[in-house]
Amino acid sequence: MTTKTLLLMCALLGIAGCANTVSKLPALPVDTSAAYRLGAGDSLKITVFGEEDLSGIYNVADNGGVVMPLVGNVPAMGLTLPELQHKLIEQLNTNVIKSPDVTIQIAAYRPFFILGEVKNPGSYPYVPDMTVLTAVAIAGGFTFRASEEEVSVTRNYAGAPREARAPRDARLMPGDVVYVSERHF
């Protein structure tokens, strides 16, 4: 083996060693049919028909519950809106009023986070139908060092965070953490 070949192989191995680990991650699952699950930081508009004192904006607390007058703490973390609605109707029916009519809407989603090679990394309000590229735009765009195709998203699945690589058009969810990698020249 010549010195020139040996140097070339070392250079190629060095470049391969610098390759980003994002490409080794599994692809972000595309599941647009999944119902939205509530989490800490979500704000809910809860309306109990005919009961002004019980209607209002409520936040899902860090402990995962929603605290309502006369009802107390109602666990909401990980539930869909219909599941929480059913739970509230049960609690109100048992403790406060018979046959309550309850509606729940999302008043504000919990934020998403973006880190890495964007101009203004940080926490931002979630916007429905947000994509990776939309998140980057909200954060001021890519820096000149950004690897625009090397993006990962960390999302909670059944209470456990999982990181996956994501294309620019991947849909984000509230609470996601987006990481834009640095490119290697």
N, C-alpha and C. Protein backbone atom coordinates (compact mmCIF):
# COMPACT_ATOMS: atom_id res chain seq x y z
N MET A 1 0.86 -1.17 0.00
CA MET A 1 0.00 0.00 0.00
C MET A 1 0.90 1.23 0.00
N THR A 2 0.62 2.18 -0.87
CA THR A 2 1.45 3.37 -0.98
C THR A 2 1.08 4.36 0.11
N THR A 3 1.98 5.29 0.35
CA THR A 3 1.75 6.33 1.34
C THR A 3 0.56 7.19 0.94
N LYS A 4 0.45 7.44 -0.33
CA LYS A 4 -0.65 8.26 -0.85
C LYS A 4 -2.00 7.58 -0.57
N THR A 5 -2.10 6.28 -0.81
CA THR A 5 -3.33 5.52 -0.56
C THR A 5 -3.65 5.49 0.93
N LEU A 6 -2.61 5.31 1.74
CA LEU A 6 -2.79 5.28 3.19
C LEU A 6 -3.31 6.63 3.69
N LEU A 7 -2.76 7.72 3.19
CA LEU A 7 -3.22 9.05 3.58
C LEU A 7 -4.67 9.28 3.14
N LEU A 8 -5.01 8.85 1.95
CA LEU A 8 -6.37 8.99 1.45
C LEU A 8 -7.36 8.21 2.32
N MET A 9 -7.01 6.99 2.70
CA MET A 9 -7.88 6.17 3.56
C MET A 9 -8.05 6.82 4.93
N CYS A 10 -6.97 7.35 5.49
CA CYS A 10 -7.06 8.02 6.79
C CYS A 10 -7.97 9.24 6.71
N ALA A 11 -7.84 10.01 5.62
CA ALA A 11 -8.68 11.19 5.44
C ALA A 11 -10.15 10.79 5.33
N LEU A 12 -10.44 9.74 4.57
CA LEU A 12 -11.83 9.28 4.42
C LEU A 12 -12.39 8.78 5.74
N LEU A 13 -11.59 8.06 6.50
CA LEU A 13 -12.05 7.59 7.82
C LEU A 13 -12.28 8.77 8.75
N GLY A 14 -11.43 9.77 8.67
CA GLY A 14 -11.61 10.97 9.49
C GLY A 14 -12.90 11.69 9.16
N ILE A 15 -13.19 11.81 7.86
CA ILE A 15 -14.44 12.46 7.44
C ILE A 15 -15.63 11.62 7.88
N ALA A 16 -15.54 10.32 7.74
CA ALA A 16 -16.64 9.45 8.16
C ALA A 16 -16.86 9.55 9.66
N GLY A 17 -15.78 9.72 10.41
CA GLY A 17 -15.90 9.87 11.87
C GLY A 17 -16.58 11.16 12.24
N CYS A 18 -16.49 12.19 11.38
CA CYS A 18 -17.12 13.47 11.65
C CYS A 18 -18.59 13.48 11.24
N ALA A 19 -19.02 12.46 10.52
CA ALA A 19 -20.40 12.43 10.05
C ALA A 19 -21.35 12.53 11.24
N ASN A 20 -22.40 13.27 11.04
CA ASN A 20 -23.35 13.51 12.11
C ASN A 20 -24.13 12.25 12.45
N THR A 21 -24.49 12.14 13.71
CA THR A 21 -25.24 10.97 14.15
C THR A 21 -26.71 11.05 13.77
N VAL A 22 -27.19 12.20 13.28
CA VAL A 22 -28.60 12.35 12.90
C VAL A 22 -28.97 11.33 11.83
N SER A 23 -28.06 11.11 10.89
CA SER A 23 -28.37 10.17 9.80
C SER A 23 -28.54 8.75 10.31
N LYS A 24 -28.03 8.45 11.50
CA LYS A 24 -28.16 7.11 12.07
C LYS A 24 -29.45 6.93 12.87
N LEU A 25 -30.17 8.02 13.10
CA LEU A 25 -31.41 7.95 13.86
C LEU A 25 -32.53 7.37 13.01
N PRO A 26 -33.53 6.76 13.65
CA PRO A 26 -34.70 6.31 12.88
C PRO A 26 -35.48 7.51 12.37
N ALA A 27 -36.26 7.30 11.33
CA ALA A 27 -37.08 8.38 10.76
C ALA A 27 -38.22 8.71 11.72
N LEU A 28 -38.59 9.98 11.76
CA LEU A 28 -39.71 10.42 12.57
C LEU A 28 -40.98 9.78 12.05
N PRO A 29 -41.75 9.08 12.90
CA PRO A 29 -42.99 8.46 12.41
C PRO A 29 -43.97 9.51 11.90
N VAL A 30 -44.63 9.19 10.81
CA VAL A 30 -45.64 10.07 10.25
C VAL A 30 -46.99 9.52 10.68
N ASP A 31 -47.56 10.14 11.71
CA ASP A 31 -48.84 9.68 12.23
C ASP A 31 -49.74 10.89 12.43
N THR A 32 -50.37 11.33 11.35
CA THR A 32 -51.24 12.49 11.43
C THR A 32 -52.63 12.14 11.92
N SER A 33 -52.93 10.86 12.03
CA SER A 33 -54.26 10.45 12.46
C SER A 33 -54.38 10.34 13.97
N ALA A 34 -53.27 10.35 14.67
CA ALA A 34 -53.30 10.20 16.12
C ALA A 34 -53.96 11.41 16.77
N ALA A 35 -54.80 11.16 17.75
CA ALA A 35 -55.48 12.23 18.48
C ALA A 35 -54.48 12.96 19.35
N TYR A 36 -54.67 14.26 19.51
CA TYR A 36 -53.78 15.07 20.32
C TYR A 36 -53.92 14.68 21.79
N ARG A 37 -52.78 14.51 22.44
CA ARG A 37 -52.73 14.15 23.86
C ARG A 37 -52.30 15.37 24.67
N LEU A 38 -53.02 15.65 25.73
CA LEU A 38 -52.74 16.81 26.57
C LEU A 38 -51.45 16.63 27.36
N GLY A 39 -50.80 17.76 27.64
CA GLY A 39 -49.57 17.75 28.42
C GLY A 39 -49.44 19.02 29.23
N ALA A 40 -48.48 19.02 30.15
CA ALA A 40 -48.24 20.19 30.99
C ALA A 40 -47.95 21.39 30.12
N GLY A 41 -48.62 22.50 30.42
CA GLY A 41 -48.43 23.73 29.65
C GLY A 41 -49.57 24.03 28.69
N ASP A 42 -50.42 23.05 28.41
CA ASP A 42 -51.58 23.30 27.57
C ASP A 42 -52.60 24.13 28.35
N SER A 43 -53.26 25.06 27.68
CA SER A 43 -54.35 25.83 28.28
C SER A 43 -55.66 25.39 27.63
N LEU A 44 -56.66 25.16 28.46
CA LEU A 44 -57.94 24.65 27.99
C LEU A 44 -59.06 25.63 28.30
N LYS A 45 -59.97 25.78 27.34
CA LYS A 45 -61.19 26.55 27.60
C LYS A 45 -62.26 25.53 27.90
N ILE A 46 -62.67 25.49 29.16
CA ILE A 46 -63.69 24.54 29.61
C ILE A 46 -64.98 25.31 29.87
N THR A 47 -66.04 24.87 29.22
CA THR A 47 -67.34 25.51 29.39
C THR A 47 -68.31 24.49 29.97
N VAL A 48 -68.91 24.84 31.11
CA VAL A 48 -69.96 24.02 31.71
C VAL A 48 -71.24 24.83 31.55
N PHE A 49 -72.11 24.36 30.65
CA PHE A 49 -73.32 25.11 30.29
C PHE A 49 -74.15 25.44 31.53
N GLY A 50 -74.46 26.74 31.68
CA GLY A 50 -75.30 27.18 32.80
C GLY A 50 -74.52 27.35 34.10
N GLU A 51 -73.23 27.16 34.09
CA GLU A 51 -72.42 27.27 35.31
C GLU A 51 -71.23 28.19 35.05
N GLU A 52 -71.47 29.49 35.11
CA GLU A 52 -70.44 30.49 34.82
C GLU A 52 -69.23 30.36 35.76
N ASP A 53 -69.48 29.99 37.02
CA ASP A 53 -68.38 29.90 38.00
C ASP A 53 -67.43 28.73 37.69
N LEU A 54 -67.91 27.74 36.96
CA LEU A 54 -67.06 26.59 36.63
C LEU A 54 -66.41 26.72 35.25
N SER A 55 -66.94 27.63 34.43
CA SER A 55 -66.41 27.81 33.08
C SER A 55 -65.23 28.78 33.10
N GLY A 56 -64.24 28.51 32.23
CA GLY A 56 -63.09 29.41 32.14
C GLY A 56 -61.90 28.75 31.49
N ILE A 57 -60.76 29.43 31.58
CA ILE A 57 -59.50 28.93 31.05
C ILE A 57 -58.76 28.23 32.18
N TYR A 58 -58.35 27.00 31.92
CA TYR A 58 -57.62 26.19 32.90
C TYR A 58 -56.34 25.66 32.26
N ASN A 59 -55.29 25.62 33.05
CA ASN A 59 -54.01 25.11 32.56
C ASN A 59 -53.75 23.71 33.06
N VAL A 60 -53.12 22.90 32.21
CA VAL A 60 -52.65 21.59 32.65
C VAL A 60 -51.35 21.85 33.41
N ALA A 61 -51.37 21.54 34.69
CA ALA A 61 -50.23 21.85 35.57
C ALA A 61 -49.08 20.87 35.34
N ASP A 62 -47.95 21.18 35.96
CA ASP A 62 -46.77 20.32 35.86
C ASP A 62 -47.04 18.89 36.34
N ASN A 63 -47.95 18.76 37.29
CA ASN A 63 -48.28 17.42 37.79
C ASN A 63 -49.26 16.69 36.88
N GLY A 64 -49.69 17.34 35.79
CA GLY A 64 -50.58 16.71 34.81
C GLY A 64 -52.05 16.88 35.08
N GLY A 65 -52.40 17.64 36.09
CA GLY A 65 -53.81 17.81 36.44
C GLY A 65 -54.36 19.17 36.08
N VAL A 66 -55.69 19.23 36.02
CA VAL A 66 -56.43 20.47 35.85
C VAL A 66 -57.21 20.67 37.14
N VAL A 67 -57.06 21.84 37.76
CA VAL A 67 -57.74 22.11 39.03
C VAL A 67 -58.93 23.01 38.76
N MET A 68 -60.13 22.47 39.09
CA MET A 68 -61.38 23.22 38.91
C MET A 68 -62.06 23.41 40.26
N PRO A 69 -62.75 24.55 40.43
CA PRO A 69 -63.50 24.75 41.67
C PRO A 69 -64.57 23.67 41.84
N LEU A 70 -64.79 23.25 43.04
CA LEU A 70 -65.79 22.26 43.45
C LEU A 70 -65.45 20.83 42.98
N VAL A 71 -64.49 20.70 42.10
CA VAL A 71 -64.12 19.39 41.57
C VAL A 71 -62.75 18.99 42.08
N GLY A 72 -61.83 19.96 42.15
CA GLY A 72 -60.47 19.67 42.57
C GLY A 72 -59.58 19.32 41.39
N ASN A 73 -58.56 18.52 41.67
CA ASN A 73 -57.58 18.14 40.65
C ASN A 73 -58.10 16.98 39.82
N VAL A 74 -58.14 17.19 38.50
CA VAL A 74 -58.58 16.15 37.57
C VAL A 74 -57.38 15.79 36.70
N PRO A 75 -56.88 14.55 36.75
CA PRO A 75 -55.74 14.16 35.92
C PRO A 75 -56.08 14.33 34.43
N ALA A 76 -55.18 15.03 33.70
CA ALA A 76 -55.42 15.30 32.29
C ALA A 76 -54.26 14.88 31.40
N MET A 77 -53.07 14.74 31.97
CA MET A 77 -51.87 14.42 31.19
C MET A 77 -52.05 13.13 30.41
N GLY A 78 -51.80 13.22 29.09
CA GLY A 78 -51.89 12.04 28.24
C GLY A 78 -53.28 11.71 27.74
N LEU A 79 -54.28 12.47 28.18
CA LEU A 79 -55.65 12.22 27.73
C LEU A 79 -55.95 13.02 26.46
N THR A 80 -56.91 12.54 25.68
CA THR A 80 -57.43 13.32 24.56
C THR A 80 -58.51 14.24 25.11
N LEU A 81 -58.95 15.21 24.31
CA LEU A 81 -60.03 16.10 24.78
C LEU A 81 -61.31 15.34 25.10
N PRO A 82 -61.76 14.38 24.26
CA PRO A 82 -62.97 13.62 24.62
C PRO A 82 -62.80 12.81 25.91
N GLU A 83 -61.61 12.27 26.14
CA GLU A 83 -61.38 11.50 27.38
C GLU A 83 -61.46 12.41 28.61
N LEU A 84 -60.87 13.60 28.52
CA LEU A 84 -60.95 14.55 29.63
C LEU A 84 -62.39 15.03 29.82
N GLN A 85 -63.09 15.27 28.72
CA GLN A 85 -64.49 15.70 28.81
C GLN A 85 -65.31 14.65 29.55
N HIS A 86 -65.13 13.39 29.20
CA HIS A 86 -65.85 12.30 29.87
C HIS A 86 -65.52 12.27 31.37
N LYS A 87 -64.25 12.43 31.70
CA LYS A 87 -63.82 12.41 33.10
C LYS A 87 -64.42 13.57 33.88
N LEU A 88 -64.44 14.76 33.27
CA LEU A 88 -65.03 15.92 33.94
C LEU A 88 -66.54 15.76 34.15
N ILE A 89 -67.22 15.22 33.14
CA ILE A 89 -68.66 14.99 33.27
C ILE A 89 -68.94 14.03 34.43
N GLU A 90 -68.14 12.96 34.53
CA GLU A 90 -68.30 12.01 35.65
C GLU A 90 -68.11 12.70 37.00
N GLN A 91 -67.02 13.50 37.11
CA GLN A 91 -66.72 14.17 38.39
C GLN A 91 -67.80 15.19 38.75
N LEU A 92 -68.22 15.98 37.76
CA LEU A 92 -69.26 16.98 38.03
C LEU A 92 -70.58 16.32 38.37
N ASN A 93 -70.93 15.25 37.67
CA ASN A 93 -72.18 14.53 37.91
C ASN A 93 -72.20 13.92 39.30
N THR A 94 -71.07 13.42 39.75
CA THR A 94 -70.98 12.78 41.07
C THR A 94 -71.00 13.80 42.20
N ASN A 95 -70.31 14.91 42.02
CA ASN A 95 -70.07 15.82 43.14
C ASN A 95 -70.83 17.14 43.10
N VAL A 96 -71.21 17.63 41.93
CA VAL A 96 -71.68 19.01 41.86
C VAL A 96 -73.05 19.16 41.21
N ILE A 97 -73.18 18.82 39.93
CA ILE A 97 -74.45 19.02 39.22
C ILE A 97 -74.81 17.76 38.44
N LYS A 98 -76.06 17.53 38.30
CA LYS A 98 -76.54 16.36 37.57
C LYS A 98 -76.60 16.63 36.07
N SER A 99 -76.16 15.68 35.30
CA SER A 99 -76.16 15.74 33.83
C SER A 99 -75.55 17.03 33.28
N PRO A 100 -74.29 17.31 33.62
CA PRO A 100 -73.67 18.54 33.11
C PRO A 100 -73.38 18.46 31.62
N ASP A 101 -73.43 19.61 30.96
CA ASP A 101 -73.08 19.72 29.55
C ASP A 101 -71.72 20.43 29.51
N VAL A 102 -70.66 19.69 29.14
CA VAL A 102 -69.30 20.21 29.19
C VAL A 102 -68.68 20.20 27.79
N THR A 103 -68.03 21.31 27.42
CA THR A 103 -67.24 21.35 26.20
C THR A 103 -65.82 21.80 26.56
N ILE A 104 -64.86 21.26 25.83
CA ILE A 104 -63.45 21.60 26.07
C ILE A 104 -62.79 21.91 24.73
N GLN A 105 -62.04 22.99 24.70
CA GLN A 105 -61.26 23.38 23.52
C GLN A 105 -59.84 23.72 23.97
N ILE A 106 -58.89 23.60 23.06
CA ILE A 106 -57.53 24.04 23.34
C ILE A 106 -57.52 25.57 23.21
N ALA A 107 -57.15 26.27 24.28
CA ALA A 107 -57.01 27.73 24.22
C ALA A 107 -55.60 28.09 23.74
N ALA A 108 -54.59 27.35 24.20
CA ALA A 108 -53.20 27.56 23.77
C ALA A 108 -52.44 26.26 23.99
N TYR A 109 -51.66 25.88 22.97
CA TYR A 109 -50.85 24.67 23.07
C TYR A 109 -49.58 24.94 23.87
N ARG A 110 -49.01 23.90 24.44
CA ARG A 110 -47.70 24.04 25.09
C ARG A 110 -46.65 24.37 24.02
N PRO A 111 -45.56 25.00 24.40
CA PRO A 111 -44.58 25.44 23.41
C PRO A 111 -43.77 24.30 22.81
N PHE A 112 -43.07 24.60 21.72
CA PHE A 112 -42.07 23.70 21.18
C PHE A 112 -40.71 24.37 21.42
N PHE A 113 -39.65 23.61 21.28
CA PHE A 113 -38.30 24.11 21.55
C PHE A 113 -37.44 23.85 20.33
N ILE A 114 -36.54 24.80 20.02
CA ILE A 114 -35.64 24.61 18.89
C ILE A 114 -34.23 25.01 19.32
N LEU A 115 -33.29 24.13 19.04
CA LEU A 115 -31.90 24.30 19.46
C LEU A 115 -30.97 24.10 18.28
N GLY A 116 -29.71 24.41 18.49
CA GLY A 116 -28.70 24.15 17.47
C GLY A 116 -28.49 25.34 16.56
N GLU A 117 -28.28 25.06 15.30
CA GLU A 117 -27.86 26.05 14.33
C GLU A 117 -29.03 26.82 13.71
N VAL A 118 -29.74 27.55 14.59
CA VAL A 118 -30.76 28.51 14.16
C VAL A 118 -30.38 29.85 14.79
N LYS A 119 -30.86 30.94 14.21
CA LYS A 119 -30.44 32.27 14.68
C LYS A 119 -30.91 32.60 16.09
N ASN A 120 -32.10 32.13 16.47
CA ASN A 120 -32.64 32.45 17.79
C ASN A 120 -33.20 31.19 18.46
N PRO A 121 -32.32 30.31 18.96
CA PRO A 121 -32.82 29.10 19.61
C PRO A 121 -33.63 29.45 20.85
N GLY A 122 -34.57 28.58 21.20
CA GLY A 122 -35.36 28.82 22.41
C GLY A 122 -36.71 28.14 22.36
N SER A 123 -37.62 28.65 23.16
CA SER A 123 -38.98 28.13 23.29
C SER A 123 -39.92 29.08 22.57
N TYR A 124 -40.85 28.51 21.79
CA TYR A 124 -41.79 29.32 21.01
C TYR A 124 -43.19 28.72 21.11
N PRO A 125 -44.22 29.56 20.96
CA PRO A 125 -45.59 29.03 20.96
C PRO A 125 -45.81 28.11 19.75
N TYR A 126 -46.47 27.02 19.99
CA TYR A 126 -46.79 26.07 18.93
C TYR A 126 -47.91 26.63 18.05
N VAL A 127 -47.79 26.37 16.75
CA VAL A 127 -48.81 26.77 15.77
C VAL A 127 -49.33 25.48 15.13
N PRO A 128 -50.65 25.27 15.07
CA PRO A 128 -51.16 24.05 14.44
C PRO A 128 -50.63 23.86 13.02
N ASP A 129 -50.40 22.60 12.64
CA ASP A 129 -49.86 22.20 11.33
C ASP A 129 -48.44 22.71 11.10
N MET A 130 -47.69 22.91 12.17
CA MET A 130 -46.32 23.39 12.07
C MET A 130 -45.41 22.29 11.53
N THR A 131 -44.47 22.69 10.67
CA THR A 131 -43.47 21.76 10.15
C THR A 131 -42.10 22.15 10.70
N VAL A 132 -41.11 21.31 10.45
CA VAL A 132 -39.74 21.62 10.85
C VAL A 132 -39.31 22.95 10.24
N LEU A 133 -39.59 23.14 8.96
CA LEU A 133 -39.18 24.37 8.29
C LEU A 133 -39.88 25.59 8.87
N THR A 134 -41.14 25.46 9.25
CA THR A 134 -41.86 26.56 9.90
C THR A 134 -41.21 26.90 11.23
N ALA A 135 -40.83 25.88 11.98
CA ALA A 135 -40.17 26.10 13.28
C ALA A 135 -38.85 26.84 13.09
N VAL A 136 -38.08 26.45 12.08
CA VAL A 136 -36.81 27.12 11.79
C VAL A 136 -37.07 28.58 11.43
N ALA A 137 -38.10 28.84 10.64
CA ALA A 137 -38.43 30.22 10.25
C ALA A 137 -38.81 31.04 11.48
N ILE A 138 -39.58 30.47 12.38
CA ILE A 138 -39.98 31.17 13.60
C ILE A 138 -38.75 31.51 14.44
N ALA A 139 -37.74 30.65 14.41
CA ALA A 139 -36.52 30.85 15.18
C ALA A 139 -35.49 31.71 14.42
N GLY A 140 -35.90 32.38 13.37
CA GLY A 140 -35.03 33.30 12.67
C GLY A 140 -34.27 32.72 11.50
N GLY A 141 -34.47 31.46 11.18
CA GLY A 141 -33.80 30.83 10.04
C GLY A 141 -32.54 30.09 10.45
N PHE A 142 -31.95 29.41 9.47
CA PHE A 142 -30.73 28.66 9.68
C PHE A 142 -29.55 29.61 9.83
N THR A 143 -28.54 29.21 10.61
CA THR A 143 -27.28 29.94 10.64
C THR A 143 -26.46 29.50 9.43
N PHE A 144 -25.35 30.18 9.16
CA PHE A 144 -24.53 29.80 8.00
C PHE A 144 -23.84 28.46 8.22
N ARG A 145 -23.76 28.00 9.47
CA ARG A 145 -23.13 26.71 9.77
C ARG A 145 -24.13 25.55 9.79
N ALA A 146 -25.38 25.82 9.59
CA ALA A 146 -26.41 24.78 9.73
C ALA A 146 -26.34 23.74 8.63
N SER A 147 -26.53 22.50 9.03
CA SER A 147 -26.73 21.43 8.07
C SER A 147 -28.24 21.35 7.87
N GLU A 148 -28.72 21.96 6.81
CA GLU A 148 -30.15 22.13 6.62
C GLU A 148 -30.91 20.82 6.44
N GLU A 149 -30.20 19.75 6.16
CA GLU A 149 -30.86 18.45 5.99
C GLU A 149 -30.64 17.54 7.21
N GLU A 150 -29.89 18.00 8.20
CA GLU A 150 -29.60 17.19 9.39
C GLU A 150 -30.36 17.75 10.58
N VAL A 151 -31.63 17.38 10.69
CA VAL A 151 -32.49 17.87 11.76
C VAL A 151 -33.06 16.68 12.51
N SER A 152 -33.07 16.78 13.84
CA SER A 152 -33.69 15.73 14.63
C SER A 152 -34.81 16.33 15.48
N VAL A 153 -35.77 15.49 15.82
CA VAL A 153 -36.89 15.89 16.66
C VAL A 153 -36.98 14.89 17.81
N THR A 154 -37.04 15.42 19.02
CA THR A 154 -37.25 14.58 20.20
C THR A 154 -38.70 14.77 20.64
N ARG A 155 -39.41 13.65 20.74
CA ARG A 155 -40.84 13.67 21.08
C ARG A 155 -41.11 12.62 22.13
N ASN A 156 -42.06 12.90 23.00
CA ASN A 156 -42.45 11.92 24.02
C ASN A 156 -43.44 10.93 23.44
N TYR A 157 -43.12 9.65 23.61
CA TYR A 157 -44.02 8.56 23.23
C TYR A 157 -44.26 7.75 24.49
N ALA A 158 -45.50 7.72 24.94
CA ALA A 158 -45.88 6.97 26.14
C ALA A 158 -44.99 7.36 27.33
N GLY A 159 -44.72 8.67 27.43
CA GLY A 159 -43.96 9.18 28.57
C GLY A 159 -42.45 9.07 28.45
N ALA A 160 -41.95 8.52 27.37
CA ALA A 160 -40.50 8.38 27.19
C ALA A 160 -40.06 9.18 25.97
N PRO A 161 -39.03 10.02 26.12
CA PRO A 161 -38.57 10.79 24.96
C PRO A 161 -37.81 9.91 23.97
N ARG A 162 -38.08 10.14 22.67
CA ARG A 162 -37.36 9.43 21.59
C ARG A 162 -36.94 10.44 20.55
N GLU A 163 -35.70 10.31 20.10
CA GLU A 163 -35.16 11.21 19.09
C GLU A 163 -35.20 10.52 17.73
N ALA A 164 -35.56 11.28 16.70
CA ALA A 164 -35.63 10.74 15.34
C ALA A 164 -35.22 11.81 14.35
N ARG A 165 -34.72 11.38 13.19
CA ARG A 165 -34.38 12.36 12.16
C ARG A 165 -35.67 12.79 11.47
N ALA A 166 -35.66 14.04 11.03
CA ALA A 166 -36.89 14.59 10.45
C ALA A 166 -36.59 15.41 9.21
N PRO A 167 -37.35 15.20 8.14
CA PRO A 167 -37.21 16.05 6.96
C PRO A 167 -37.84 17.41 7.23
N ARG A 168 -37.59 18.36 6.36
CA ARG A 168 -38.11 19.71 6.52
C ARG A 168 -39.62 19.79 6.60
N ASP A 169 -40.31 18.87 5.91
CA ASP A 169 -41.78 18.93 5.88
C ASP A 169 -42.44 18.09 6.96
N ALA A 170 -41.65 17.56 7.90
CA ALA A 170 -42.22 16.74 8.99
C ALA A 170 -43.08 17.62 9.90
N ARG A 171 -44.24 17.11 10.26
CA ARG A 171 -45.15 17.82 11.15
C ARG A 171 -44.64 17.73 12.59
N LEU A 172 -44.72 18.85 13.29
CA LEU A 172 -44.31 18.90 14.69
C LEU A 172 -45.53 18.85 15.59
N MET A 173 -45.28 18.53 16.85
CA MET A 173 -46.32 18.50 17.87
C MET A 173 -45.91 19.43 19.00
N PRO A 174 -46.87 19.92 19.79
CA PRO A 174 -46.50 20.73 20.96
C PRO A 174 -45.56 19.93 21.87
N GLY A 175 -44.58 20.60 22.42
CA GLY A 175 -43.63 19.94 23.31
C GLY A 175 -42.43 19.32 22.62
N ASP A 176 -42.44 19.26 21.27
CA ASP A 176 -41.30 18.70 20.53
C ASP A 176 -40.06 19.55 20.75
N VAL A 177 -38.90 18.89 20.69
CA VAL A 177 -37.62 19.59 20.73
C VAL A 177 -36.94 19.34 19.38
N VAL A 178 -36.71 20.42 18.64
CA VAL A 178 -36.09 20.35 17.31
C VAL A 178 -34.63 20.72 17.46
N TYR A 179 -33.74 19.91 16.85
CA TYR A 179 -32.31 20.21 16.91
C TYR A 179 -31.76 20.26 15.49
N VAL A 180 -31.18 21.42 15.12
CA VAL A 180 -30.56 21.60 13.80
C VAL A 180 -29.05 21.43 13.99
N SER A 181 -28.49 20.44 13.31
CA SER A 181 -27.07 20.12 13.45
C SER A 181 -26.19 21.10 12.70
N GLU A 182 -24.93 21.08 13.08
CA GLU A 182 -23.91 21.87 12.40
C GLU A 182 -23.36 21.05 11.25
N ARG A 183 -23.15 21.69 10.11
CA ARG A 183 -22.59 20.95 8.97
C ARG A 183 -21.07 20.88 9.14
N HIS A 184 -20.51 19.86 8.56
CA HIS A 184 -19.07 19.67 8.60
C HIS A 184 -18.54 19.94 7.21
N PHE A 185 -17.68 20.90 7.11
CA PHE A 185 -17.17 21.36 5.82
C PHE A 185 -16.19 20.38 5.22
